Amino acid sequence: HNFLANDLVVHNSHAASFALLAYASAYLRVHHPAEFSAALLNNQPMGFYHPATLVKDAQRHGLEVRPVDVTRSEWRSTVEGSAVRLGLMTVKGLREAAAERLVTARRERPFASVDDLAARAGLTRGELVTLAEIGALAPLGLTRRGALWEAERAARPAGPLWMGRAPERERSPLREMTVVERLVADYRGTDLTVGPHPMALRRRQLDWLGVTPAAGLSALAHGRRVRVAGSVIVRQRPGTAKGFVFLSLEDETGIANAIVRPWLFERDRAAVVHEPFVVVDGILQREDGVTAVRATAVRPFPPLPARVPSHDFH
């Protein structure tokens, strides 16, 4: 049997199967959040949201997500008690074979230094530098910049005079990374962060601009004029939507959905299609428990240092 939903023919069997999947997913998310989140992260690419969004959603729901750690991380993300440890597979440019050597060497004996790690795991300079930048070498007693200093030194071939001698550890003269620099390094090295959301760094400016946080929309009345802002994590323009575009904007409090009508899309196309962060003015609408902003203007938000990955027009 079939039925109509929004002018589309839906098969009962399809509806039942999707309902079962939705129920099972909701149950796992509530009762086994760490296992559920680790499974999602380990089976990418899949679904609707990028791992960066999955991590932030998990954190907002109280799950601790721990960063990549060369002394603890496996290739895949794992469950540590009630928390999730990000796997080495999230590190951009890190070969699986190199990660396997790292894990095997670590099980034999702990790493004594960056030189020891580089030699026993057979890491390239690029792999070592990325691990240093994202803070994965912190358990070796190094700040990120300190780890970068050590990584660059370890990657240099020793001259004849120093062959066979253990290199002396020099104190890094580099200034430690700021919060913003760590955020940029996280997205550059893993496409996600367990640190603050980029929008949190601009919250004071957003408040001054009269922007309502995503989590605050549910308390506002239907029909009210609102202003929202965030990183664009999803852009959709379904063929059945008669030219409408749907945006999902993420900030540190949650996700706000915006509806862009065809005429507005043509007017503000550049911002809708290309800008990683936008401000949307519009009218709040609430229908059947679903809250969205019917946009009247879409504008670029002053550039933030890190670009959050998005799922565009799929």
C-alpha atoms as a PDB file:
ATOM      1  CA  HIS A   1       0.000   0.000   0.000  1.00  0.00           C
ATOM      2  CA  ASN A   2       1.061   3.573  -0.677  1.00  0.00           C
ATOM      3  CA  PHE A   3       0.113   6.975   0.707  1.00  0.00           C
ATOM      4  CA  LEU A   4       0.685  10.613  -0.235  1.00  0.00           C
ATOM      5  CA  ALA A   5       2.939  12.915   1.799  1.00  0.00           C
ATOM      6  CA  ASN A   6       3.668  16.426   0.534  1.00  0.00           C
ATOM      7  CA  ASP A   7       2.456  15.386  -2.925  1.00  0.00           C
ATOM      8  CA  LEU A   8       4.910  12.468  -3.005  1.00  0.00           C
ATOM      9  CA  VAL A   9       3.945   8.801  -3.173  1.00  0.00           C
ATOM     10  CA  VAL A  10       5.425   6.927  -0.198  1.00  0.00           C
ATOM     11  CA  HIS A  11       5.519   3.148   0.117  1.00  0.00           C
ATOM     12  CA  ASN A  12       4.341   1.811   3.471  1.00  0.00           C
ATOM     13  CA  SER A  13       7.216  -0.669   3.522  1.00  0.00           C
ATOM     14  CA  HIS A  14       9.727   2.153   3.070  1.00  0.00           C
ATOM     15  CA  ALA A  15       8.052   4.224   5.764  1.00  0.00           C
ATOM     16  CA  ALA A  16       8.099   1.283   8.183  1.00  0.00           C
ATOM     17  CA  SER A  17      11.770   0.543   7.554  1.00  0.00           C
ATOM     18  CA  PHE A  18      12.754   4.178   8.056  1.00  0.00           C
ATOM     19  CA  ALA A  19      10.654   4.362  11.220  1.00  0.00           C
ATOM     20  CA  LEU A  20      12.444   1.313  12.605  1.00  0.00           C
ATOM     21  CA  LEU A  21      15.847   2.824  11.815  1.00  0.00           C
ATOM     22  CA  ALA A  22      14.823   6.114  13.414  1.00  0.00           C
ATOM     23  CA  TYR A  23      13.614   4.347  16.562  1.00  0.00           C
ATOM     24  CA  ALA A  24      16.759   2.207  16.853  1.00  0.00           C
ATOM     25  CA  SER A  25      19.023   5.217  16.283  1.00  0.00           C
ATOM     26  CA  ALA A  26      17.165   7.295  18.873  1.00  0.00           C
ATOM     27  CA  TYR A  27      17.376   4.471  21.425  1.00  0.00           C
ATOM     28  CA  LEU A  28      21.123   4.019  20.908  1.00  0.00           C
ATOM     29  CA  ARG A  29      21.750   7.755  21.022  1.00  0.00           C
ATOM     30  CA  VAL A  30      19.972   8.086  24.378  1.00  0.00           C
ATOM     31  CA  HIS A  31      21.114   4.887  26.102  1.00  0.00           C
ATOM     32  CA  HIS A  32      24.523   4.258  24.481  1.00  0.00           C
ATOM     33  CA  PRO A  33      25.712   7.694  23.314  1.00  0.00           C
ATOM     34  CA  ALA A  34      29.440   6.902  23.266  1.00  0.00           C
ATOM     35  CA  GLU A  35      29.039   3.709  21.245  1.00  0.00           C
ATOM     36  CA  PHE A  36      26.554   5.389  18.905  1.00  0.00           C
ATOM     37  CA  SER A  37      28.810   8.377  18.248  1.00  0.00           C
ATOM     38  CA  ALA A  38      31.923   6.234  17.760  1.00  0.00           C
ATOM     39  CA  ALA A  39      30.059   4.081  15.245  1.00  0.00           C
ATOM     40  CA  LEU A  40      28.952   7.137  13.265  1.00  0.00           C
ATOM     41  CA  LEU A  41      32.483   8.545  13.195  1.00  0.00           C
ATOM     42  CA  ASN A  42      33.924   5.197  12.108  1.00  0.00           C
ATOM     43  CA  ASN A  43      31.587   4.798   9.144  1.00  0.00           C
ATOM     44  CA  GLN A  44      32.210   8.001   7.227  1.00  0.00           C
ATOM     45  CA  PRO A  45      31.313   9.198   4.715  1.00  0.00           C
ATOM     46  CA  MET A  46      27.673   8.497   5.433  1.00  0.00           C
ATOM     47  CA  GLY A  47      24.467  10.199   6.355  1.00  0.00           C
ATOM     48  CA  PHE A  48      23.684  13.874   6.334  1.00  0.00           C
ATOM     49  CA  TYR A  49      26.168  15.537   8.660  1.00  0.00           C
ATOM     50  CA  HIS A  50      29.940  15.908   8.570  1.00  0.00           C
ATOM     51  CA  PRO A  51      31.952  14.475  11.507  1.00  0.00           C
ATOM     52  CA  ALA A  52      32.616  18.049  12.683  1.00  0.00           C
ATOM     53  CA  THR A  53      28.874  18.490  13.242  1.00  0.00           C
ATOM     54  CA  LEU A  54      28.468  15.032  14.803  1.00  0.00           C
ATOM     55  CA  VAL A  55      31.181  15.852  17.351  1.00  0.00           C
ATOM     56  CA  LYS A  56      29.641  19.200  18.287  1.00  0.00           C
ATOM     57  CA  ASP A  57      26.166  17.678  18.596  1.00  0.00           C
ATOM     58  CA  ALA A  58      27.514  14.920  20.844  1.00  0.00           C
ATOM     59  CA  GLN A  59      29.258  17.488  23.046  1.00  0.00           C
ATOM     60  CA  ARG A  60      26.110  19.598  23.344  1.00  0.00           C
ATOM     61  CA  HIS A  61      24.301  16.489  24.575  1.00  0.00           C
ATOM     62  CA  GLY A  62      26.837  15.905  27.324  1.00  0.00           C
ATOM     63  CA  LEU A  63      29.177  13.379  25.706  1.00  0.00           C
ATOM     64  CA  GLU A  64      32.897  13.883  26.278  1.00  0.00           C
ATOM     65  CA  VAL A  65      34.841  13.638  23.017  1.00  0.00           C
ATOM     66  CA  ARG A  66      38.573  13.276  23.553  1.00  0.00           C
ATOM     67  CA  PRO A  67      41.170  14.401  21.010  1.00  0.00           C
ATOM     68  CA  VAL A  68      43.581  12.296  18.979  1.00  0.00           C
ATOM     69  CA  ASP A  69      46.381  11.029  21.231  1.00  0.00           C
ATOM     70  CA  VAL A  70      49.402   9.076  19.946  1.00  0.00           C
ATOM     71  CA  THR A  71      49.549   7.170  23.245  1.00  0.00           C
ATOM     72  CA  ARG A  72      45.869   6.145  23.259  1.00  0.00           C
ATOM     73  CA  SER A  73      44.136   6.506  19.897  1.00  0.00           C
ATOM     74  CA  GLU A  74      43.549   3.462  17.699  1.00  0.00           C
ATOM     75  CA  TRP A  75      42.951   3.760  13.954  1.00  0.00           C
ATOM     76  CA  ARG A  76      39.201   3.993  14.560  1.00  0.00           C
ATOM     77  CA  SER A  77      37.463   6.060  17.203  1.00  0.00           C
ATOM     78  CA  THR A  78      36.971   4.078  20.405  1.00  0.00           C
ATOM     79  CA  VAL A  79      34.910   4.173  23.582  1.00  0.00           C
ATOM     80  CA  GLU A  80      36.770   5.051  26.791  1.00  0.00           C
ATOM     81  CA  GLY A  81      34.349   4.545  29.654  1.00  0.00           C
ATOM     82  CA  SER A  82      31.552   7.019  28.961  1.00  0.00           C
ATOM     83  CA  ALA A  83      33.651   9.066  26.500  1.00  0.00           C
ATOM     84  CA  VAL A  84      34.755   8.763  22.869  1.00  0.00           C
ATOM     85  CA  ARG A  85      38.401   8.918  21.842  1.00  0.00           C
ATOM     86  CA  LEU A  86      38.942  10.165  18.303  1.00  0.00           C
ATOM     87  CA  GLY A  87      40.817   7.727  16.102  1.00  0.00           C
ATOM     88  CA  LEU A  88      43.944   8.264  14.049  1.00  0.00           C
ATOM     89  CA  MET A  89      41.792   7.921  10.928  1.00  0.00           C
ATOM     90  CA  THR A  90      40.531  11.469  11.550  1.00  0.00           C
ATOM     91  CA  VAL A  91      44.039  12.880  10.957  1.00  0.00           C
ATOM     92  CA  LYS A  92      44.301  14.212   7.413  1.00  0.00           C
ATOM     93  CA  GLY A  93      47.196  12.731   5.447  1.00  0.00           C
ATOM     94  CA  LEU A  94      48.041  10.028   7.998  1.00  0.00           C
ATOM     95  CA  ARG A  95      48.443   6.698   6.196  1.00  0.00           C
ATOM     96  CA  GLU A  96      46.649   3.717   7.717  1.00  0.00           C
ATOM     97  CA  ALA A  97      49.851   1.659   7.471  1.00  0.00           C
ATOM     98  CA  ALA A  98      51.742   4.326   9.424  1.00  0.00           C
ATOM     99  CA  ALA A  99      48.984   4.432  12.047  1.00  0.00           C
ATOM    100  CA  GLU A 100      49.122   0.643  12.395  1.00  0.00           C
ATOM    101  CA  ARG A 101      52.898   0.788  12.894  1.00  0.00           C
ATOM    102  CA  LEU A 102      52.393   3.496  15.510  1.00  0.00           C
ATOM    103  CA  VAL A 103      49.871   1.408  17.458  1.00  0.00           C
ATOM    104  CA  THR A 104      52.038  -1.732  17.217  1.00  0.00           C
ATOM    105  CA  ALA A 105      55.154   0.119  18.392  1.00  0.00           C
ATOM    106  CA  ARG A 106      53.238   1.695  21.267  1.00  0.00           C
ATOM    107  CA  ARG A 107      52.098  -1.714  22.496  1.00  0.00           C
ATOM    108  CA  GLU A 108      55.693  -2.916  22.606  1.00  0.00           C
ATOM    109  CA  ARG A 109      56.794  -0.020  24.808  1.00  0.00           C
ATOM    110  CA  PRO A 110      55.766   3.607  25.386  1.00  0.00           C
ATOM    111  CA  PHE A 111      57.257   6.304  23.189  1.00  0.00           C
ATOM    112  CA  ALA A 112      60.133   8.084  24.911  1.00  0.00           C
ATOM    113  CA  SER A 113      60.245  11.119  22.621  1.00  0.00           C
ATOM    114  CA  VAL A 114      59.182  12.522  19.270  1.00  0.00           C
ATOM    115  CA  ASP A 115      62.361  11.049  17.749  1.00  0.00           C
ATOM    116  CA  ASP A 116      61.432   7.645  19.138  1.00  0.00           C
ATOM    117  CA  LEU A 117      57.889   7.956  17.764  1.00  0.00           C
ATOM    118  CA  ALA A 118      59.067   9.050  14.319  1.00  0.00           C
ATOM    119  CA  ALA A 119      61.645   6.275  14.048  1.00  0.00           C
ATOM    120  CA  ARG A 120      59.550   3.361  15.305  1.00  0.00           C
ATOM    121  CA  ALA A 121      56.329   4.339  13.510  1.00  0.00           C
ATOM    122  CA  GLY A 122      58.064   5.354  10.280  1.00  0.00           C
ATOM    123  CA  LEU A 123      56.192   8.644  10.056  1.00  0.00           C
ATOM    124  CA  THR A 124      56.829  11.166   7.310  1.00  0.00           C
ATOM    125  CA  ARG A 125      57.614  14.768   8.140  1.00  0.00           C
ATOM    126  CA  GLY A 126      54.104  15.815   7.083  1.00  0.00           C
ATOM    127  CA  GLU A 127      52.433  13.198   9.290  1.00  0.00           C
ATOM    128  CA  LEU A 128      54.559  14.160  12.273  1.00  0.00           C
ATOM    129  CA  VAL A 129      53.893  17.879  11.793  1.00  0.00           C
ATOM    130  CA  THR A 130      50.125  17.354  11.555  1.00  0.00           C
ATOM    131  CA  LEU A 131      50.097  15.249  14.729  1.00  0.00           C
ATOM    132  CA  ALA A 132      52.066  17.993  16.474  1.00  0.00           C
ATOM    133  CA  GLU A 133      49.771  20.788  15.262  1.00  0.00           C
ATOM    134  CA  ILE A 134      46.571  19.098  16.450  1.00  0.00           C
ATOM    135  CA  GLY A 135      47.959  18.410  19.923  1.00  0.00           C
ATOM    136  CA  ALA A 136      48.253  14.632  19.509  1.00  0.00           C
ATOM    137  CA  LEU A 137      51.800  14.723  20.952  1.00  0.00           C
ATOM    138  CA  ALA A 138      50.724  16.449  24.189  1.00  0.00           C
ATOM    139  CA  PRO A 139      51.075  13.207  26.233  1.00  0.00           C
ATOM    140  CA  LEU A 140      54.805  13.328  25.455  1.00  0.00           C
ATOM    141  CA  GLY A 141      54.967  16.467  27.598  1.00  0.00           C
ATOM    142  CA  LEU A 142      54.898  18.962  24.749  1.00  0.00           C
ATOM    143  CA  THR A 143      52.780  21.972  23.881  1.00  0.00           C
ATOM    144  CA  ARG A 144      51.665  22.173  20.260  1.00  0.00           C
ATOM    145  CA  ARG A 145      54.399  24.592  19.261  1.00  0.00           C
ATOM    146  CA  GLY A 146      56.913  22.648  21.321  1.00  0.00           C
ATOM    147  CA  ALA A 147      55.841  19.493  19.505  1.00  0.00           C
ATOM    148  CA  LEU A 148      56.214  21.274  16.154  1.00  0.00           C
ATOM    149  CA  TRP A 149      59.744  22.281  17.091  1.00  0.00           C
ATOM    150  CA  GLU A 150      60.558  18.676  18.005  1.00  0.00           C
ATOM    151  CA  ALA A 151      58.843  17.313  14.888  1.00  0.00           C
ATOM    152  CA  GLU A 152      60.838  19.533  12.551  1.00  0.00           C
ATOM    153  CA  ARG A 153      64.064  18.615  14.311  1.00  0.00           C
ATOM    154  CA  ALA A 154      63.229  14.897  14.259  1.00  0.00           C
ATOM    155  CA  ALA A 155      62.481  15.076  10.541  1.00  0.00           C
ATOM    156  CA  ARG A 156      65.914  16.526   9.728  1.00  0.00           C
ATOM    157  CA  PRO A 157      68.506  13.903   8.787  1.00  0.00           C
ATOM    158  CA  ALA A 158      71.374  13.758  11.257  1.00  0.00           C
ATOM    159  CA  GLY A 159      74.775  14.827   9.966  1.00  0.00           C
ATOM    160  CA  PRO A 160      77.773  12.450  10.065  1.00  0.00           C
ATOM    161  CA  LEU A 161      79.025  13.957  13.318  1.00  0.00           C
ATOM    162  CA  TRP A 162      75.808  13.020  15.146  1.00  0.00           C
ATOM    163  CA  MET A 163      75.161   9.590  13.619  1.00  0.00           C
ATOM    164  CA  GLY A 164      74.354   7.027  16.301  1.00  0.00           C
ATOM    165  CA  ARG A 165      74.007   9.625  19.048  1.00  0.00           C
ATOM    166  CA  ALA A 166      70.764  10.416  20.820  1.00  0.00           C
ATOM    167  CA  PRO A 167      69.741  13.956  19.831  1.00  0.00           C
ATOM    168  CA  GLU A 168      69.694  16.537  22.577  1.00  0.00           C
ATOM    169  CA  ARG A 169      66.273  17.926  23.364  1.00  0.00           C
ATOM    170  CA  GLU A 170      66.173  21.670  22.883  1.00  0.00           C
ATOM    171  CA  ARG A 171      63.624  23.931  24.497  1.00  0.00           C
ATOM    172  CA  SER A 172      61.277  25.380  21.906  1.00  0.00           C
ATOM    173  CA  PRO A 173      61.634  29.149  21.447  1.00  0.00           C
ATOM    174  CA  LEU A 174      58.205  29.323  19.788  1.00  0.00           C
ATOM    175  CA  ARG A 175      55.295  31.149  21.408  1.00  0.00           C
ATOM    176  CA  GLU A 176      52.447  28.803  22.294  1.00  0.00           C
ATOM    177  CA  MET A 177      49.333  28.781  20.104  1.00  0.00           C
ATOM    178  CA  THR A 178      46.387  30.992  20.968  1.00  0.00           C
ATOM    179  CA  VAL A 179      42.848  29.597  21.184  1.00  0.00           C
ATOM    180  CA  VAL A 180      42.204  30.785  17.628  1.00  0.00           C
ATOM    181  CA  GLU A 181      45.426  29.242  16.315  1.00  0.00           C
ATOM    182  CA  ARG A 182      44.570  25.914  17.962  1.00  0.00           C
ATOM    183  CA  LEU A 183      41.131  26.034  16.366  1.00  0.00           C
ATOM    184  CA  VAL A 184      42.625  26.681  12.931  1.00  0.00           C
ATOM    185  CA  ALA A 185      45.133  23.855  13.428  1.00  0.00           C
ATOM    186  CA  ASP A 186      42.358  21.445  14.460  1.00  0.00           C
ATOM    187  CA  TYR A 187      40.297  22.097  11.339  1.00  0.00           C
ATOM    188  CA  ARG A 188      43.377  22.052   9.112  1.00  0.00           C
ATOM    189  CA  GLY A 189      44.531  18.725  10.541  1.00  0.00           C
ATOM    190  CA  THR A 190      41.264  16.869  11.212  1.00  0.00           C
ATOM    191  CA  ASP A 191      38.383  18.923   9.743  1.00  0.00           C
ATOM    192  CA  LEU A 192      36.875  19.109  13.247  1.00  0.00           C
ATOM    193  CA  THR A 193      37.620  20.282  16.772  1.00  0.00           C
ATOM    194  CA  VAL A 194      36.801  19.162  20.288  1.00  0.00           C
ATOM    195  CA  GLY A 195      37.533  22.735  21.383  1.00  0.00           C
ATOM    196  CA  PRO A 196      35.178  25.726  21.154  1.00  0.00           C
ATOM    197  CA  HIS A 197      32.946  26.187  18.131  1.00  0.00           C
ATOM    198  CA  PRO A 198      34.200  29.011  15.866  1.00  0.00           C
ATOM    199  CA  MET A 199      31.014  31.001  16.503  1.00  0.00           C
ATOM    200  CA  ALA A 200      31.681  30.985  20.256  1.00  0.00           C
ATOM    201  CA  LEU A 201      34.725  33.145  19.610  1.00  0.00           C
ATOM    202  CA  ARG A 202      32.458  35.834  18.130  1.00  0.00           C
ATOM    203  CA  ARG A 203      29.571  35.604  20.592  1.00  0.00           C
ATOM    204  CA  ARG A 204      30.138  39.101  21.997  1.00  0.00           C
ATOM    205  CA  GLN A 205      30.002  40.576  18.494  1.00  0.00           C
ATOM    206  CA  LEU A 206      26.946  38.462  17.661  1.00  0.00           C
ATOM    207  CA  ASP A 207      25.136  39.700  20.767  1.00  0.00           C
ATOM    208  CA  TRP A 208      25.926  43.281  19.751  1.00  0.00           C
ATOM    209  CA  LEU A 209      24.438  42.575  16.298  1.00  0.00           C
ATOM    210  CA  GLY A 210      21.230  41.255  17.871  1.00  0.00           C
ATOM    211  CA  VAL A 211      21.778  37.660  16.768  1.00  0.00           C
ATOM    212  CA  THR A 212      19.689  35.040  18.561  1.00  0.00           C
ATOM    213  CA  PRO A 213      21.590  31.825  19.376  1.00  0.00           C
ATOM    214  CA  ALA A 214      20.160  28.715  17.725  1.00  0.00           C
ATOM    215  CA  ALA A 215      19.086  27.298  21.082  1.00  0.00           C
ATOM    216  CA  GLY A 216      17.145  30.487  21.850  1.00  0.00           C
ATOM    217  CA  LEU A 217      14.757  30.254  18.899  1.00  0.00           C
ATOM    218  CA  SER A 218      12.425  27.796  20.630  1.00  0.00           C
ATOM    219  CA  ALA A 219      11.522  30.445  23.225  1.00  0.00           C
ATOM    220  CA  LEU A 220      10.461  33.042  20.634  1.00  0.00           C
ATOM    221  CA  ALA A 221       6.968  33.550  19.246  1.00  0.00           C
ATOM    222  CA  HIS A 222       5.851  32.461  15.801  1.00  0.00           C
ATOM    223  CA  GLY A 223       5.947  35.362  13.348  1.00  0.00           C
ATOM    224  CA  ARG A 224       8.616  37.333  15.169  1.00  0.00           C
ATOM    225  CA  ARG A 225      11.443  38.991  13.251  1.00  0.00           C
ATOM    226  CA  VAL A 226      14.752  37.358  14.121  1.00  0.00           C
ATOM    227  CA  ARG A 227      18.396  37.379  13.166  1.00  0.00           C
ATOM    228  CA  VAL A 228      20.459  34.186  13.253  1.00  0.00           C
ATOM    229  CA  ALA A 229      24.039  33.413  12.272  1.00  0.00           C
ATOM    230  CA  GLY A 230      26.312  30.422  12.012  1.00  0.00           C
ATOM    231  CA  SER A 231      28.560  28.230   9.955  1.00  0.00           C
ATOM    232  CA  VAL A 232      26.662  26.804   6.983  1.00  0.00           C
ATOM    233  CA  ILE A 233      26.807  23.041   7.534  1.00  0.00           C
ATOM    234  CA  VAL A 234      24.116  22.027   5.017  1.00  0.00           C
ATOM    235  CA  ARG A 235      22.862  23.557   1.776  1.00  0.00           C
ATOM    236  CA  GLN A 236      19.932  21.882   0.011  1.00  0.00           C
ATOM    237  CA  ARG A 237      18.007  22.694  -3.147  1.00  0.00           C
ATOM    238  CA  PRO A 238      15.755  19.680  -3.796  1.00  0.00           C
ATOM    239  CA  GLY A 239      14.383  19.290  -7.281  1.00  0.00           C
ATOM    240  CA  THR A 240      10.884  19.023  -5.822  1.00  0.00           C
ATOM    241  CA  ALA A 241      11.176  22.259  -3.802  1.00  0.00           C
ATOM    242  CA  LYS A 242      10.328  24.657  -6.668  1.00  0.00           C
ATOM    243  CA  GLY A 243      13.577  26.601  -6.356  1.00  0.00           C
ATOM    244  CA  PHE A 244      13.602  26.924  -2.573  1.00  0.00           C
ATOM    245  CA  VAL A 245      16.954  26.533  -0.802  1.00  0.00           C
ATOM    246  CA  PHE A 246      17.299  25.237   2.745  1.00  0.00           C
ATOM    247  CA  LEU A 247      20.246  26.191   4.950  1.00  0.00           C
ATOM    248  CA  SER A 248      21.350  24.715   8.268  1.00  0.00           C
ATOM    249  CA  LEU A 249      23.390  27.128  10.376  1.00  0.00           C
ATOM    250  CA  GLU A 250      25.413  25.857  13.325  1.00  0.00           C
ATOM    251  CA  ASP A 251      26.649  27.833  16.314  1.00  0.00           C
ATOM    252  CA  GLU A 252      27.926  26.703  19.704  1.00  0.00           C
ATOM    253  CA  THR A 253      24.358  26.188  20.998  1.00  0.00           C
ATOM    254  CA  GLY A 254      22.828  24.147  18.178  1.00  0.00           C
ATOM    255  CA  ILE A 255      21.480  24.286  14.640  1.00  0.00           C
ATOM    256  CA  ALA A 256      19.071  26.820  13.116  1.00  0.00           C
ATOM    257  CA  ASN A 257      17.282  26.122   9.834  1.00  0.00           C
ATOM    258  CA  ALA A 258      16.597  28.838   7.282  1.00  0.00           C
ATOM    259  CA  ILE A 259      14.316  28.792   4.231  1.00  0.00           C
ATOM    260  CA  VAL A 260      15.491  30.829   1.245  1.00  0.00           C
ATOM    261  CA  ARG A 261      12.818  31.582  -1.352  1.00  0.00           C
ATOM    262  CA  PRO A 262      13.736  31.586  -5.070  1.00  0.00           C
ATOM    263  CA  TRP A 263      13.777  35.378  -5.466  1.00  0.00           C
ATOM    264  CA  LEU A 264      16.025  35.765  -2.423  1.00  0.00           C
ATOM    265  CA  PHE A 265      18.328  33.024  -3.658  1.00  0.00           C
ATOM    266  CA  GLU A 266      18.802  34.926  -6.914  1.00  0.00           C
ATOM    267  CA  ARG A 267      19.474  38.169  -5.041  1.00  0.00           C
ATOM    268  CA  ASP A 268      21.802  36.775  -2.354  1.00  0.00           C
ATOM    269  CA  ARG A 269      23.168  33.830  -4.335  1.00  0.00           C
ATOM    270  CA  ALA A 270      26.846  34.556  -3.596  1.00  0.00           C
ATOM    271  CA  ALA A 271      26.339  34.449   0.161  1.00  0.00           C
ATOM    272  CA  VAL A 272      23.999  31.449   0.041  1.00  0.00           C
ATOM    273  CA  VAL A 273      26.277  29.337  -2.153  1.00  0.00           C
ATOM    274  CA  HIS A 274      29.799  30.354  -1.244  1.00  0.00           C
ATOM    275  CA  GLU A 275      30.074  31.922   2.211  1.00  0.00           C
ATOM    276  CA  PRO A 276      31.125  29.576   5.045  1.00  0.00           C
ATOM    277  CA  PHE A 277      29.551  31.839   7.707  1.00  0.00           C
ATOM    278  CA  VAL A 278      26.388  33.890   7.185  1.00  0.00           C
ATOM    279  CA  VAL A 279      23.916  36.131   8.999  1.00  0.00           C
ATOM    280  CA  VAL A 280      20.250  35.551   8.151  1.00  0.00           C
ATOM    281  CA  ASP A 281      17.429  38.001   8.845  1.00  0.00           C
ATOM    282  CA  GLY A 282      13.898  36.693   8.622  1.00  0.00           C
ATOM    283  CA  ILE A 283      10.590  35.712  10.168  1.00  0.00           C
ATOM    284  CA  LEU A 284      10.409  32.897  12.689  1.00  0.00           C
ATOM    285  CA  GLN A 285       7.900  30.258  11.712  1.00  0.00           C
ATOM    286  CA  ARG A 286       6.822  27.260  13.743  1.00  0.00           C
ATOM    287  CA  GLU A 287       4.741  24.512  12.191  1.00  0.00           C
ATOM    288  CA  ASP A 288       4.027  21.047  13.598  1.00  0.00           C
ATOM    289  CA  GLY A 289       6.737  21.558  16.193  1.00  0.00           C
ATOM    290  CA  VAL A 290       9.377  22.445  13.594  1.00  0.00           C
ATOM    291  CA  THR A 291      11.085  25.828  13.926  1.00  0.00           C
ATOM    292  CA  ALA A 292      12.707  27.612  10.976  1.00  0.00           C
ATOM    293  CA  VAL A 293      13.516  31.122   9.812  1.00  0.00           C
ATOM    294  CA  ARG A 294      11.879  32.322   6.587  1.00  0.00           C
ATOM    295  CA  ALA A 295      14.774  34.399   5.317  1.00  0.00           C
ATOM    296  CA  THR A 296      14.467  37.953   4.045  1.00  0.00           C
ATOM    297  CA  ALA A 297      18.223  38.577   3.752  1.00  0.00           C
ATOM    298  CA  VAL A 298      21.368  36.442   3.727  1.00  0.00           C
ATOM    299  CA  ARG A 299      24.694  38.204   4.245  1.00  0.00           C
ATOM    300  CA  PRO A 300      28.290  37.109   4.783  1.00  0.00           C
ATOM    301  CA  PHE A 301      29.543  37.137   8.341  1.00  0.00           C
ATOM    302  CA  PRO A 302      33.010  38.665   8.872  1.00  0.00           C
ATOM    303  CA  PRO A 303      35.514  35.887   8.172  1.00  0.00           C
ATOM    304  CA  LEU A 304      36.373  33.502  10.943  1.00  0.00           C
ATOM    305  CA  PRO A 305      39.765  31.780  10.935  1.00  0.00           C
ATOM    306  CA  ALA A 306      38.444  28.230  10.563  1.00  0.00           C
ATOM    307  CA  ARG A 307      36.045  26.925   7.941  1.00  0.00           C
ATOM    308  CA  VAL A 308      33.590  24.284   9.159  1.00  0.00           C
ATOM    309  CA  PRO A 309      32.971  21.533   6.561  1.00  0.00           C
ATOM    310  CA  SER A 310      29.524  21.567   4.934  1.00  0.00           C
ATOM    311  CA  HIS A 311      27.245  19.151   3.083  1.00  0.00           C
ATOM    312  CA  ASP A 312      26.253  21.042  -0.061  1.00  0.00           C
ATOM    313  CA  PHE A 313      23.459  20.373  -2.556  1.00  0.00           C
ATOM    314  CA  HIS A 314      23.465  16.559  -2.279  1.00  0.00           C
END
